[in-house]
Amino acid sequence: MALLANSRHGYYGARMTGTRIEINPAVMLGKPVIRGTRIPVELILRKLAEGATTADLLDAYPRLVEADIRACAVHVADAASQVLD
């Protein structure tokens, strides 16, 4: 879904990054989340950094699948590469 112009916020609507990560100003203040949830990418990455395994996350968040967790890592890697470009 494309980002649409809005003079007040600069954009509105949702933007998809890949097929599993969504950025929508109406959801979690526009933080990247796993599509169809309110689970921020940041939360998943912090849990992984704290030592959680994919199995731990799938148990804690039953709506997720393994591909959602991988998509979080890909999203951050893509964002980091854009900063360096």
N, C-alpha and C. Protein backbone atom coordinates (compact mmCIF):
# COMPACT_ATOMS: atom_id res chain seq x y z
N MET A 1 0.85 -1.16 0.00
CA MET A 1 0.00 0.00 0.00
C MET A 1 0.90 1.23 0.00
N ALA A 2 0.57 2.20 -0.78
CA ALA A 2 1.40 3.39 -0.91
C ALA A 2 1.15 4.38 0.22
N LEU A 3 2.12 5.22 0.47
CA LEU A 3 1.99 6.30 1.42
C LEU A 3 1.29 7.45 0.73
N LEU A 4 0.33 8.05 1.39
CA LEU A 4 -0.44 9.13 0.79
C LEU A 4 -0.13 10.45 1.48
N ALA A 5 -0.17 11.55 0.73
CA ALA A 5 0.19 12.86 1.26
C ALA A 5 -0.87 13.39 2.22
N ASN A 6 -0.42 14.12 3.24
CA ASN A 6 -1.28 14.78 4.20
C ASN A 6 -0.49 15.95 4.75
N SER A 7 -1.06 17.15 4.69
CA SER A 7 -0.30 18.33 5.08
C SER A 7 -0.01 18.38 6.58
N ARG A 8 -0.87 17.84 7.41
CA ARG A 8 -0.66 17.92 8.85
C ARG A 8 0.46 16.98 9.31
N HIS A 9 0.43 15.73 8.88
CA HIS A 9 1.40 14.74 9.34
C HIS A 9 2.43 14.38 8.29
N GLY A 10 2.26 14.84 7.07
CA GLY A 10 3.18 14.49 6.01
C GLY A 10 2.74 13.23 5.28
N TYR A 11 1.88 12.42 5.91
CA TYR A 11 1.38 11.21 5.27
C TYR A 11 0.19 10.70 6.06
N TYR A 12 -0.57 9.83 5.46
CA TYR A 12 -1.59 9.08 6.18
C TYR A 12 -1.80 7.75 5.48
N GLY A 13 -2.52 6.90 6.11
CA GLY A 13 -2.70 5.58 5.55
C GLY A 13 -1.58 4.67 5.99
N ALA A 14 -1.55 3.50 5.43
CA ALA A 14 -0.56 2.50 5.82
C ALA A 14 0.48 2.34 4.73
N ARG A 15 1.66 1.95 5.14
CA ARG A 15 2.72 1.63 4.20
C ARG A 15 3.21 0.24 4.56
N MET A 16 3.34 -0.59 3.55
CA MET A 16 3.83 -1.94 3.77
C MET A 16 5.32 -1.97 3.45
N THR A 17 6.07 -2.60 4.30
CA THR A 17 7.47 -2.82 4.00
C THR A 17 7.63 -4.33 3.89
N GLY A 18 7.74 -4.82 2.68
CA GLY A 18 7.66 -6.26 2.47
C GLY A 18 6.20 -6.66 2.57
N THR A 19 5.94 -7.89 2.93
CA THR A 19 4.55 -8.31 3.05
C THR A 19 4.13 -8.53 4.49
N ARG A 20 5.06 -8.48 5.41
CA ARG A 20 4.73 -8.81 6.79
C ARG A 20 4.85 -7.65 7.75
N ILE A 21 5.50 -6.58 7.37
CA ILE A 21 5.70 -5.44 8.25
C ILE A 21 4.90 -4.26 7.72
N GLU A 22 4.21 -3.58 8.62
CA GLU A 22 3.35 -2.45 8.25
C GLU A 22 3.72 -1.23 9.08
N ILE A 23 3.67 -0.07 8.44
CA ILE A 23 3.84 1.19 9.14
C ILE A 23 2.57 1.98 8.89
N ASN A 24 1.84 2.26 9.97
CA ASN A 24 0.56 2.95 9.87
C ASN A 24 0.48 3.94 11.03
N PRO A 25 0.32 5.23 10.76
CA PRO A 25 0.27 6.22 11.83
C PRO A 25 -0.84 5.96 12.85
N ALA A 26 -1.86 5.22 12.46
CA ALA A 26 -2.97 4.93 13.36
C ALA A 26 -2.71 3.72 14.26
N VAL A 27 -1.60 3.03 14.03
CA VAL A 27 -1.28 1.84 14.82
C VAL A 27 0.07 2.05 15.50
N MET A 28 0.09 2.02 16.80
CA MET A 28 1.32 2.15 17.60
C MET A 28 2.12 3.41 17.20
N LEU A 29 1.39 4.48 16.94
CA LEU A 29 2.02 5.78 16.62
C LEU A 29 2.94 5.71 15.41
N GLY A 30 2.65 4.80 14.50
CA GLY A 30 3.43 4.71 13.27
C GLY A 30 4.68 3.87 13.36
N LYS A 31 4.89 3.20 14.49
CA LYS A 31 6.05 2.30 14.59
C LYS A 31 5.82 1.11 13.67
N PRO A 32 6.88 0.55 13.11
CA PRO A 32 6.71 -0.66 12.31
C PRO A 32 6.18 -1.80 13.18
N VAL A 33 5.14 -2.44 12.70
CA VAL A 33 4.54 -3.56 13.42
C VAL A 33 4.39 -4.75 12.47
N ILE A 34 4.21 -5.92 13.06
CA ILE A 34 3.91 -7.09 12.25
C ILE A 34 2.47 -6.94 11.77
N ARG A 35 2.29 -7.04 10.47
CA ARG A 35 1.00 -6.80 9.83
C ARG A 35 -0.12 -7.57 10.54
N GLY A 36 -1.23 -6.85 10.76
CA GLY A 36 -2.41 -7.46 11.38
C GLY A 36 -2.32 -7.58 12.89
N THR A 37 -1.25 -7.03 13.48
CA THR A 37 -1.07 -7.08 14.93
C THR A 37 -0.69 -5.68 15.41
N ARG A 38 -0.55 -5.56 16.71
CA ARG A 38 0.01 -4.35 17.31
C ARG A 38 1.38 -4.68 17.93
N ILE A 39 2.03 -5.70 17.39
CA ILE A 39 3.32 -6.14 17.91
C ILE A 39 4.42 -5.40 17.15
N PRO A 40 5.12 -4.47 17.83
CA PRO A 40 6.17 -3.71 17.16
C PRO A 40 7.39 -4.57 16.81
N VAL A 41 7.99 -4.25 15.69
CA VAL A 41 9.25 -4.89 15.28
C VAL A 41 10.28 -4.73 16.39
N GLU A 42 10.32 -3.56 16.98
CA GLU A 42 11.29 -3.26 18.05
C GLU A 42 11.15 -4.26 19.20
N LEU A 43 9.94 -4.60 19.59
CA LEU A 43 9.73 -5.54 20.69
C LEU A 43 10.33 -6.91 20.36
N ILE A 44 10.08 -7.38 19.15
CA ILE A 44 10.61 -8.69 18.75
C ILE A 44 12.13 -8.67 18.78
N LEU A 45 12.73 -7.62 18.26
CA LEU A 45 14.20 -7.54 18.24
C LEU A 45 14.78 -7.43 19.64
N ARG A 46 14.12 -6.69 20.51
CA ARG A 46 14.61 -6.58 21.89
C ARG A 46 14.54 -7.94 22.59
N LYS A 47 13.44 -8.67 22.38
CA LYS A 47 13.31 -10.00 22.97
C LYS A 47 14.41 -10.93 22.47
N LEU A 48 14.69 -10.88 21.17
CA LEU A 48 15.77 -11.70 20.62
C LEU A 48 17.11 -11.30 21.23
N ALA A 49 17.35 -10.00 21.37
CA ALA A 49 18.61 -9.52 21.95
C ALA A 49 18.75 -9.94 23.41
N GLU A 50 17.63 -10.11 24.10
CA GLU A 50 17.65 -10.55 25.50
C GLU A 50 17.83 -12.07 25.62
N GLY A 51 17.85 -12.76 24.49
CA GLY A 51 18.10 -14.19 24.52
C GLY A 51 16.91 -15.07 24.20
N ALA A 52 15.77 -14.46 23.90
CA ALA A 52 14.60 -15.27 23.53
C ALA A 52 14.88 -16.00 22.22
N THR A 53 14.35 -17.19 22.11
CA THR A 53 14.47 -17.95 20.87
C THR A 53 13.22 -17.73 20.02
N THR A 54 13.29 -18.15 18.78
CA THR A 54 12.11 -18.08 17.93
C THR A 54 10.97 -18.87 18.56
N ALA A 55 11.27 -20.02 19.11
CA ALA A 55 10.23 -20.83 19.77
C ALA A 55 9.62 -20.09 20.95
N ASP A 56 10.45 -19.38 21.73
CA ASP A 56 9.92 -18.59 22.85
C ASP A 56 8.92 -17.55 22.35
N LEU A 57 9.29 -16.87 21.28
CA LEU A 57 8.42 -15.82 20.74
C LEU A 57 7.13 -16.39 20.17
N LEU A 58 7.23 -17.52 19.50
CA LEU A 58 6.03 -18.14 18.94
C LEU A 58 5.09 -18.61 20.05
N ASP A 59 5.65 -19.05 21.17
CA ASP A 59 4.83 -19.43 22.32
C ASP A 59 4.18 -18.21 22.96
N ALA A 60 4.94 -17.13 23.08
CA ALA A 60 4.44 -15.92 23.73
C ALA A 60 3.44 -15.17 22.87
N TYR A 61 3.58 -15.26 21.56
CA TYR A 61 2.72 -14.53 20.62
C TYR A 61 2.16 -15.53 19.61
N PRO A 62 1.10 -16.24 19.97
CA PRO A 62 0.60 -17.33 19.13
C PRO A 62 0.14 -16.93 17.73
N ARG A 63 -0.14 -15.65 17.51
CA ARG A 63 -0.57 -15.20 16.18
C ARG A 63 0.60 -15.13 15.21
N LEU A 64 1.82 -15.14 15.72
CA LEU A 64 2.99 -15.02 14.86
C LEU A 64 3.38 -16.36 14.26
N VAL A 65 4.05 -16.27 13.12
CA VAL A 65 4.70 -17.44 12.52
C VAL A 65 6.18 -17.09 12.37
N GLU A 66 6.97 -18.09 12.12
CA GLU A 66 8.42 -17.88 12.04
C GLU A 66 8.80 -16.82 11.01
N ALA A 67 8.09 -16.77 9.91
CA ALA A 67 8.39 -15.78 8.87
C ALA A 67 8.19 -14.35 9.38
N ASP A 68 7.29 -14.13 10.32
CA ASP A 68 7.10 -12.79 10.90
C ASP A 68 8.35 -12.35 11.64
N ILE A 69 8.94 -13.27 12.37
CA ILE A 69 10.14 -12.95 13.14
C ILE A 69 11.31 -12.66 12.21
N ARG A 70 11.46 -13.47 11.17
CA ARG A 70 12.51 -13.20 10.18
C ARG A 70 12.28 -11.85 9.49
N ALA A 71 11.02 -11.52 9.22
CA ALA A 71 10.70 -10.25 8.56
C ALA A 71 11.12 -9.06 9.41
N CYS A 72 11.06 -9.20 10.72
CA CYS A 72 11.52 -8.12 11.60
C CYS A 72 13.00 -7.85 11.39
N ALA A 73 13.79 -8.90 11.34
CA ALA A 73 15.23 -8.75 11.13
C ALA A 73 15.52 -8.15 9.76
N VAL A 74 14.81 -8.60 8.75
CA VAL A 74 15.00 -8.07 7.39
C VAL A 74 14.63 -6.60 7.34
N HIS A 75 13.54 -6.23 8.00
CA HIS A 75 13.10 -4.84 8.01
C HIS A 75 14.19 -3.93 8.59
N VAL A 76 14.76 -4.34 9.71
CA VAL A 76 15.80 -3.52 10.35
C VAL A 76 17.06 -3.48 9.51
N ALA A 77 17.42 -4.60 8.91
CA ALA A 77 18.60 -4.62 8.04
C ALA A 77 18.40 -3.68 6.85
N ASP A 78 17.20 -3.71 6.26
CA ASP A 78 16.91 -2.80 5.15
C ASP A 78 16.96 -1.34 5.59
N ALA A 79 16.41 -1.06 6.76
CA ALA A 79 16.43 0.32 7.27
C ALA A 79 17.86 0.79 7.52
N ALA A 80 18.68 -0.08 8.08
CA ALA A 80 20.08 0.28 8.34
C ALA A 80 20.84 0.53 7.05
N SER A 81 20.57 -0.25 6.03
CA SER A 81 21.29 -0.04 4.78
C SER A 81 20.86 1.26 4.11
N GLN A 82 19.62 1.69 4.31
CA GLN A 82 19.18 2.95 3.74
C GLN A 82 19.83 4.14 4.43
N VAL A 83 20.09 4.01 5.72
CA VAL A 83 20.75 5.08 6.47
C VAL A 83 22.16 5.28 5.94
N LEU A 84 22.82 4.19 5.58
CA LEU A 84 24.20 4.26 5.10
C LEU A 84 24.31 4.70 3.65
N ASP A 85 23.23 4.58 2.89
CA ASP A 85 23.27 4.95 1.48
C ASP A 85 23.30 6.45 1.27
